[in-house]
All heavy atoms as atom14 arrays in JSON, in Angstrom:
{
  "sequence": "IRFHVLSDGRDVDENSAVAWVARLQKDVDAWNAEH",
  "atom14_mask": [
    [1, 1, 1, 1, 1, 1, 1, 1, 0, 0, 0, 0, 0, 0],
    [1, 1, 1, 1, 1, 1, 1, 1, 1, 1, 1, 0, 0, 0],
    [1, 1, 1, 1, 1, 1, 1, 1, 1, 1, 1, 0, 0, 0],
    [1, 1, 1, 1, 1, 1, 1, 1, 1, 1, 0, 0, 0, 0],
    [1, 1, 1, 1, 1, 1, 1, 0, 0, 0, 0, 0, 0, 0],
    [1, 1, 1, 1, 1, 1, 1, 1, 0, 0, 0, 0, 0, 0],
    [1, 1, 1, 1, 1, 1, 0, 0, 0, 0, 0, 0, 0, 0],
    [1, 1, 1, 1, 1, 1, 1, 1, 0, 0, 0, 0, 0, 0],
    [1, 1, 1, 1, 0, 0, 0, 0, 0, 0, 0, 0, 0, 0],
    [1, 1, 1, 1, 1, 1, 1, 1, 1, 1, 1, 0, 0, 0],
    [1, 1, 1, 1, 1, 1, 1, 1, 0, 0, 0, 0, 0, 0],
    [1, 1, 1, 1, 1, 1, 1, 0, 0, 0, 0, 0, 0, 0],
    [1, 1, 1, 1, 1, 1, 1, 1, 0, 0, 0, 0, 0, 0],
    [1, 1, 1, 1, 1, 1, 1, 1, 1, 0, 0, 0, 0, 0],
    [1, 1, 1, 1, 1, 1, 1, 1, 0, 0, 0, 0, 0, 0],
    [1, 1, 1, 1, 1, 1, 0, 0, 0, 0, 0, 0, 0, 0],
    [1, 1, 1, 1, 1, 0, 0, 0, 0, 0, 0, 0, 0, 0],
    [1, 1, 1, 1, 1, 1, 1, 0, 0, 0, 0, 0, 0, 0],
    [1, 1, 1, 1, 1, 0, 0, 0, 0, 0, 0, 0, 0, 0],
    [1, 1, 1, 1, 1, 1, 1, 1, 1, 1, 1, 1, 1, 1],
    [1, 1, 1, 1, 1, 1, 1, 0, 0, 0, 0, 0, 0, 0],
    [1, 1, 1, 1, 1, 0, 0, 0, 0, 0, 0, 0, 0, 0],
    [1, 1, 1, 1, 1, 1, 1, 1, 1, 1, 1, 0, 0, 0],
    [1, 1, 1, 1, 1, 1, 1, 1, 0, 0, 0, 0, 0, 0],
    [1, 1, 1, 1, 1, 1, 1, 1, 1, 0, 0, 0, 0, 0],
    [1, 1, 1, 1, 1, 1, 1, 1, 1, 0, 0, 0, 0, 0],
    [1, 1, 1, 1, 1, 1, 1, 1, 0, 0, 0, 0, 0, 0],
    [1, 1, 1, 1, 1, 1, 1, 0, 0, 0, 0, 0, 0, 0],
    [1, 1, 1, 1, 1, 1, 1, 1, 0, 0, 0, 0, 0, 0],
    [1, 1, 1, 1, 1, 0, 0, 0, 0, 0, 0, 0, 0, 0],
    [1, 1, 1, 1, 1, 1, 1, 1, 1, 1, 1, 1, 1, 1],
    [1, 1, 1, 1, 1, 1, 1, 1, 0, 0, 0, 0, 0, 0],
    [1, 1, 1, 1, 1, 0, 0, 0, 0, 0, 0, 0, 0, 0],
    [1, 1, 1, 1, 1, 1, 1, 1, 1, 0, 0, 0, 0, 0],
    [1, 1, 1, 1, 1, 1, 1, 1, 1, 1, 0, 0, 0, 0]
  ],
  "atom14_positions": [
    [[32.99, 13.09, 22.56], [32.6, 14.47, 22.01], [33.43, 15.5, 22.79], [33.38, 15.46, 23.98], [31.07, 14.69, 22.04], [30.38, 13.7, 21.19], [30.75, 16.07, 21.61], [28.81, 13.79, 21.25], [0.0, 0.0, 0.0], [0.0, 0.0, 0.0], [0.0, 0.0, 0.0], [0.0, 0.0, 0.0], [0.0, 0.0, 0.0], [0.0, 0.0, 0.0]],
    [[33.86, 16.5, 22.03], [34.5, 17.64, 22.69], [33.85, 18.94, 22.18], [33.6, 19.07, 20.96], [36.03, 17.72, 22.36], [36.83, 16.49, 22.96], [36.82, 16.58, 24.39], [37.57, 15.49, 25.08], [37.09, 14.39, 25.52], [35.77, 14.15, 25.41], [37.84, 13.42, 26.08], [0.0, 0.0, 0.0], [0.0, 0.0, 0.0], [0.0, 0.0, 0.0]],
    [[33.66, 19.9, 23.13], [32.92, 21.12, 22.87], [33.92, 22.25, 22.84], [34.72, 22.41, 23.8], [31.81, 21.42, 23.89], [30.76, 20.38, 23.91], [30.85, 19.23, 24.74], [29.61, 20.52, 23.22], [29.86, 18.26, 24.81], [28.58, 19.58, 23.23], [28.74, 18.5, 24.04], [0.0, 0.0, 0.0], [0.0, 0.0, 0.0], [0.0, 0.0, 0.0]],
    [[33.93, 22.97, 21.75], [34.78, 24.18, 21.66], [33.85, 25.33, 21.48], [33.29, 25.62, 20.39], [35.71, 24.06, 20.47], [36.44, 22.78, 20.53], [37.71, 22.68, 21.13], [36.2, 21.5, 20.03], [38.17, 21.46, 20.94], [37.29, 20.7, 20.3], [0.0, 0.0, 0.0], [0.0, 0.0, 0.0], [0.0, 0.0, 0.0], [0.0, 0.0, 0.0]],
    [[33.63, 26.12, 22.57], [32.44, 27.04, 22.66], [32.9, 28.48, 22.69], [33.77, 28.87, 23.48], [31.46, 26.65, 23.8], [30.83, 25.34, 23.49], [32.21, 26.57, 25.14], [0.0, 0.0, 0.0], [0.0, 0.0, 0.0], [0.0, 0.0, 0.0], [0.0, 0.0, 0.0], [0.0, 0.0, 0.0], [0.0, 0.0, 0.0], [0.0, 0.0, 0.0]],
    [[32.19, 29.29, 22.01], [32.5, 30.67, 21.89], [31.44, 31.48, 22.66], [30.23, 31.33, 22.38], [32.59, 31.13, 20.46], [33.55, 30.33, 19.63], [33.36, 30.51, 18.12], [35.0, 30.65, 19.99], [0.0, 0.0, 0.0], [0.0, 0.0, 0.0], [0.0, 0.0, 0.0], [0.0, 0.0, 0.0], [0.0, 0.0, 0.0], [0.0, 0.0, 0.0]],
    [[31.83, 32.4, 23.5], [30.83, 33.2, 24.27], [30.38, 34.37, 23.37], [31.1, 34.91, 22.56], [31.44, 33.74, 25.55], [32.68, 34.37, 25.39], [0.0, 0.0, 0.0], [0.0, 0.0, 0.0], [0.0, 0.0, 0.0], [0.0, 0.0, 0.0], [0.0, 0.0, 0.0], [0.0, 0.0, 0.0], [0.0, 0.0, 0.0], [0.0, 0.0, 0.0]],
    [[29.16, 34.73, 23.6], [28.42, 35.6, 22.62], [28.47, 37.02, 23.07], [29.39, 37.76, 22.55], [26.99, 35.18, 22.63], [26.18, 35.79, 21.49], [26.55, 36.82, 20.98], [25.1, 35.23, 21.12], [0.0, 0.0, 0.0], [0.0, 0.0, 0.0], [0.0, 0.0, 0.0], [0.0, 0.0, 0.0], [0.0, 0.0, 0.0], [0.0, 0.0, 0.0]],
    [[27.55, 37.58, 23.81], [27.74, 38.93, 24.31], [27.26, 39.97, 23.26], [27.34, 41.14, 23.53], [0.0, 0.0, 0.0], [0.0, 0.0, 0.0], [0.0, 0.0, 0.0], [0.0, 0.0, 0.0], [0.0, 0.0, 0.0], [0.0, 0.0, 0.0], [0.0, 0.0, 0.0], [0.0, 0.0, 0.0], [0.0, 0.0, 0.0], [0.0, 0.0, 0.0]],
    [[26.75, 39.57, 22.08], [26.21, 40.47, 21.08], [24.69, 40.17, 20.87], [23.92, 41.06, 20.79], [26.97, 40.44, 19.78], [28.38, 40.89, 19.9], [29.15, 40.86, 18.62], [28.65, 41.78, 17.6], [29.4, 42.26, 16.56], [30.58, 41.74, 16.44], [28.94, 43.16, 15.7], [0.0, 0.0, 0.0], [0.0, 0.0, 0.0], [0.0, 0.0, 0.0]],
    [[24.39, 38.96, 20.69], [23.01, 38.58, 20.41], [22.23, 38.18, 21.68], [21.05, 37.89, 21.61], [22.97, 37.49, 19.37], [23.74, 37.83, 18.11], [23.65, 39.0, 17.74], [24.45, 37.0, 17.58], [0.0, 0.0, 0.0], [0.0, 0.0, 0.0], [0.0, 0.0, 0.0], [0.0, 0.0, 0.0], [0.0, 0.0, 0.0], [0.0, 0.0, 0.0]],
    [[22.98, 38.1, 22.75], [22.31, 37.86, 24.11], [23.02, 38.88, 25.1], [23.93, 39.54, 24.71], [22.53, 36.38, 24.54], [21.76, 35.48, 23.68], [24.06, 36.02, 24.58], [0.0, 0.0, 0.0], [0.0, 0.0, 0.0], [0.0, 0.0, 0.0], [0.0, 0.0, 0.0], [0.0, 0.0, 0.0], [0.0, 0.0, 0.0], [0.0, 0.0, 0.0]],
    [[22.62, 38.73, 26.33], [23.18, 39.56, 27.38], [24.7, 39.39, 27.42], [25.27, 38.3, 27.32], [22.67, 39.12, 28.74], [23.11, 39.99, 29.9], [24.21, 40.41, 30.0], [22.19, 40.25, 30.71], [0.0, 0.0, 0.0], [0.0, 0.0, 0.0], [0.0, 0.0, 0.0], [0.0, 0.0, 0.0], [0.0, 0.0, 0.0], [0.0, 0.0, 0.0]],
    [[25.43, 40.57, 27.44], [26.87, 40.47, 27.29], [27.59, 39.96, 28.52], [28.85, 39.77, 28.54], [27.43, 41.9, 26.99], [27.28, 42.98, 28.12], [28.05, 44.21, 27.8], [28.98, 44.2, 27.09], [27.67, 45.26, 28.41], [0.0, 0.0, 0.0], [0.0, 0.0, 0.0], [0.0, 0.0, 0.0], [0.0, 0.0, 0.0], [0.0, 0.0, 0.0]],
    [[26.79, 39.7, 29.54], [27.41, 39.0, 30.79], [26.71, 37.73, 31.1], [26.46, 37.44, 32.3], [27.37, 40.07, 31.99], [28.28, 41.25, 31.65], [29.38, 41.07, 31.34], [27.67, 42.46, 31.93], [0.0, 0.0, 0.0], [0.0, 0.0, 0.0], [0.0, 0.0, 0.0], [0.0, 0.0, 0.0], [0.0, 0.0, 0.0], [0.0, 0.0, 0.0]],
    [[26.47, 36.91, 30.1], [25.77, 35.66, 30.3], [26.65, 34.4, 30.06], [26.22, 33.28, 30.14], [24.54, 35.53, 29.55], [24.81, 35.74, 28.14], [0.0, 0.0, 0.0], [0.0, 0.0, 0.0], [0.0, 0.0, 0.0], [0.0, 0.0, 0.0], [0.0, 0.0, 0.0], [0.0, 0.0, 0.0], [0.0, 0.0, 0.0], [0.0, 0.0, 0.0]],
    [[27.92, 34.67, 29.73], [28.81, 33.54, 29.36], [28.96, 32.5, 30.44], [28.93, 31.24, 30.21], [30.18, 34.08, 28.98], [0.0, 0.0, 0.0], [0.0, 0.0, 0.0], [0.0, 0.0, 0.0], [0.0, 0.0, 0.0], [0.0, 0.0, 0.0], [0.0, 0.0, 0.0], [0.0, 0.0, 0.0], [0.0, 0.0, 0.0], [0.0, 0.0, 0.0]],
    [[29.09, 32.98, 31.75], [29.28, 32.04, 32.78], [28.04, 31.12, 32.96], [28.15, 29.96, 33.09], [29.51, 32.82, 34.13], [29.5, 31.85, 35.34], [30.86, 33.58, 34.04], [0.0, 0.0, 0.0], [0.0, 0.0, 0.0], [0.0, 0.0, 0.0], [0.0, 0.0, 0.0], [0.0, 0.0, 0.0], [0.0, 0.0, 0.0], [0.0, 0.0, 0.0]],
    [[26.87, 31.77, 32.86], [25.6, 30.96, 32.94], [25.52, 29.98, 31.81], [25.08, 28.84, 31.99], [24.43, 31.89, 32.89], [0.0, 0.0, 0.0], [0.0, 0.0, 0.0], [0.0, 0.0, 0.0], [0.0, 0.0, 0.0], [0.0, 0.0, 0.0], [0.0, 0.0, 0.0], [0.0, 0.0, 0.0], [0.0, 0.0, 0.0], [0.0, 0.0, 0.0]],
    [[26.0, 30.35, 30.57], [25.86, 29.38, 29.39], [26.86, 28.3, 29.61], [26.54, 27.11, 29.31], [26.12, 30.13, 28.17], [24.89, 30.78, 27.63], [24.64, 32.13, 27.6], [23.7, 30.16, 27.15], [23.35, 32.39, 27.09], [22.74, 31.17, 26.82], [23.39, 28.81, 26.97], [21.54, 30.86, 26.32], [22.13, 28.5, 26.43], [21.26, 29.56, 26.14]],
    [[28.07, 28.56, 30.11], [28.98, 27.39, 30.29], [28.52, 26.52, 31.39], [28.66, 25.27, 31.37], [30.42, 27.98, 30.62], [31.39, 26.86, 31.01], [30.92, 28.69, 29.35], [0.0, 0.0, 0.0], [0.0, 0.0, 0.0], [0.0, 0.0, 0.0], [0.0, 0.0, 0.0], [0.0, 0.0, 0.0], [0.0, 0.0, 0.0], [0.0, 0.0, 0.0]],
    [[27.94, 27.16, 32.44], [27.35, 26.3, 33.5], [26.29, 25.45, 32.98], [26.15, 24.21, 33.38], [26.96, 27.18, 34.64], [0.0, 0.0, 0.0], [0.0, 0.0, 0.0], [0.0, 0.0, 0.0], [0.0, 0.0, 0.0], [0.0, 0.0, 0.0], [0.0, 0.0, 0.0], [0.0, 0.0, 0.0], [0.0, 0.0, 0.0], [0.0, 0.0, 0.0]],
    [[25.44, 25.92, 32.14], [24.36, 25.11, 31.58], [24.9, 23.95, 30.74], [24.43, 22.81, 30.89], [23.42, 25.99, 30.75], [22.26, 25.25, 30.13], [21.29, 26.15, 29.35], [20.28, 25.41, 28.77], [19.22, 25.99, 28.11], [19.16, 27.24, 27.92], [18.31, 25.25, 27.49], [0.0, 0.0, 0.0], [0.0, 0.0, 0.0], [0.0, 0.0, 0.0]],
    [[25.86, 24.22, 29.88], [26.52, 23.2, 29.09], [27.13, 22.13, 29.97], [26.99, 20.99, 29.61], [27.48, 23.82, 28.06], [28.26, 22.82, 27.26], [27.26, 21.93, 26.39], [29.23, 23.48, 26.33], [0.0, 0.0, 0.0], [0.0, 0.0, 0.0], [0.0, 0.0, 0.0], [0.0, 0.0, 0.0], [0.0, 0.0, 0.0], [0.0, 0.0, 0.0]],
    [[27.86, 22.57, 30.98], [28.51, 21.62, 31.85], [27.46, 20.71, 32.55], [27.72, 19.5, 32.71], [29.37, 22.37, 32.89], [30.19, 21.45, 33.77], [31.24, 20.62, 32.94], [32.07, 21.21, 32.37], [31.01, 19.3, 32.98], [0.0, 0.0, 0.0], [0.0, 0.0, 0.0], [0.0, 0.0, 0.0], [0.0, 0.0, 0.0], [0.0, 0.0, 0.0]],
    [[26.42, 21.32, 32.96], [25.25, 20.51, 33.55], [24.82, 19.42, 32.56], [24.57, 18.29, 33.0], [24.15, 21.39, 34.05], [23.0, 20.63, 34.72], [21.92, 21.65, 35.16], [20.78, 20.89, 35.84], [19.7, 21.84, 36.28], [0.0, 0.0, 0.0], [0.0, 0.0, 0.0], [0.0, 0.0, 0.0], [0.0, 0.0, 0.0], [0.0, 0.0, 0.0]],
    [[24.6, 19.86, 31.29], [24.16, 18.92, 30.32], [25.2, 17.86, 29.97], [24.9, 16.68, 29.78], [23.71, 19.62, 29.02], [22.38, 20.29, 29.13], [21.64, 20.0, 30.1], [22.1, 21.25, 28.3], [0.0, 0.0, 0.0], [0.0, 0.0, 0.0], [0.0, 0.0, 0.0], [0.0, 0.0, 0.0], [0.0, 0.0, 0.0], [0.0, 0.0, 0.0]],
    [[26.45, 18.22, 29.93], [27.54, 17.38, 29.72], [27.54, 16.25, 30.84], [27.64, 15.03, 30.56], [28.86, 18.04, 29.62], [30.09, 17.09, 29.82], [29.01, 18.79, 28.31], [0.0, 0.0, 0.0], [0.0, 0.0, 0.0], [0.0, 0.0, 0.0], [0.0, 0.0, 0.0], [0.0, 0.0, 0.0], [0.0, 0.0, 0.0], [0.0, 0.0, 0.0]],
    [[27.45, 16.68, 32.04], [27.41, 15.72, 33.13], [26.25, 14.76, 32.97], [26.38, 13.59, 33.25], [27.31, 16.51, 34.53], [28.59, 17.29, 34.78], [29.63, 16.99, 34.17], [28.49, 18.23, 35.6], [0.0, 0.0, 0.0], [0.0, 0.0, 0.0], [0.0, 0.0, 0.0], [0.0, 0.0, 0.0], [0.0, 0.0, 0.0], [0.0, 0.0, 0.0]],
    [[25.07, 15.3, 32.57], [23.9, 14.45, 32.44], [24.12, 13.47, 31.28], [23.75, 12.24, 31.42], [22.65, 15.32, 32.21], [0.0, 0.0, 0.0], [0.0, 0.0, 0.0], [0.0, 0.0, 0.0], [0.0, 0.0, 0.0], [0.0, 0.0, 0.0], [0.0, 0.0, 0.0], [0.0, 0.0, 0.0], [0.0, 0.0, 0.0], [0.0, 0.0, 0.0]],
    [[24.65, 13.9, 30.16], [24.92, 12.99, 29.12], [25.88, 11.88, 29.5], [25.62, 10.62, 29.18], [25.5, 13.7, 27.88], [24.49, 14.41, 27.02], [23.3, 13.89, 26.51], [24.55, 15.75, 26.52], [22.66, 14.83, 25.8], [23.41, 15.94, 25.67], [25.52, 16.76, 26.62], [23.14, 17.15, 25.04], [25.25, 18.06, 26.01], [24.08, 18.22, 25.25]],
    [[26.96, 12.2, 30.14], [27.92, 11.21, 30.65], [27.31, 10.24, 31.64], [27.65, 9.01, 31.61], [29.07, 11.91, 31.37], [30.11, 12.52, 30.29], [30.21, 11.95, 29.18], [30.64, 13.62, 30.6], [0.0, 0.0, 0.0], [0.0, 0.0, 0.0], [0.0, 0.0, 0.0], [0.0, 0.0, 0.0], [0.0, 0.0, 0.0], [0.0, 0.0, 0.0]],
    [[26.39, 10.74, 32.52], [25.7, 9.89, 33.47], [24.76, 8.97, 32.79], [24.67, 7.73, 33.19], [25.0, 10.71, 34.45], [0.0, 0.0, 0.0], [0.0, 0.0, 0.0], [0.0, 0.0, 0.0], [0.0, 0.0, 0.0], [0.0, 0.0, 0.0], [0.0, 0.0, 0.0], [0.0, 0.0, 0.0], [0.0, 0.0, 0.0], [0.0, 0.0, 0.0]],
    [[24.04, 9.48, 31.79], [23.08, 8.51, 31.1], [23.73, 7.53, 30.14], [23.24, 6.4, 30.08], [22.16, 9.42, 30.27], [21.06, 8.62, 29.55], [20.17, 9.6, 28.74], [20.26, 10.8, 28.83], [19.19, 9.03, 27.99], [0.0, 0.0, 0.0], [0.0, 0.0, 0.0], [0.0, 0.0, 0.0], [0.0, 0.0, 0.0], [0.0, 0.0, 0.0]],
    [[24.82, 7.86, 29.53], [25.54, 7.0, 28.58], [26.89, 6.72, 29.24], [27.82, 7.43, 28.95], [25.63, 7.71, 27.24], [24.34, 8.17, 26.67], [23.45, 7.35, 26.09], [23.8, 9.41, 26.65], [22.36, 8.04, 25.73], [22.54, 9.3, 26.07], [0.0, 0.0, 0.0], [0.0, 0.0, 0.0], [0.0, 0.0, 0.0], [0.0, 0.0, 0.0]]
  ]
}
């Protein structure tokens, strides 16, 4: 699976992109570790 992700800044805090990518990366690492 490959993720192609667009940062928001309109419907959420306009400076939350780093936090969202960090969250996704943490989940990606967990998925890879589990499977």
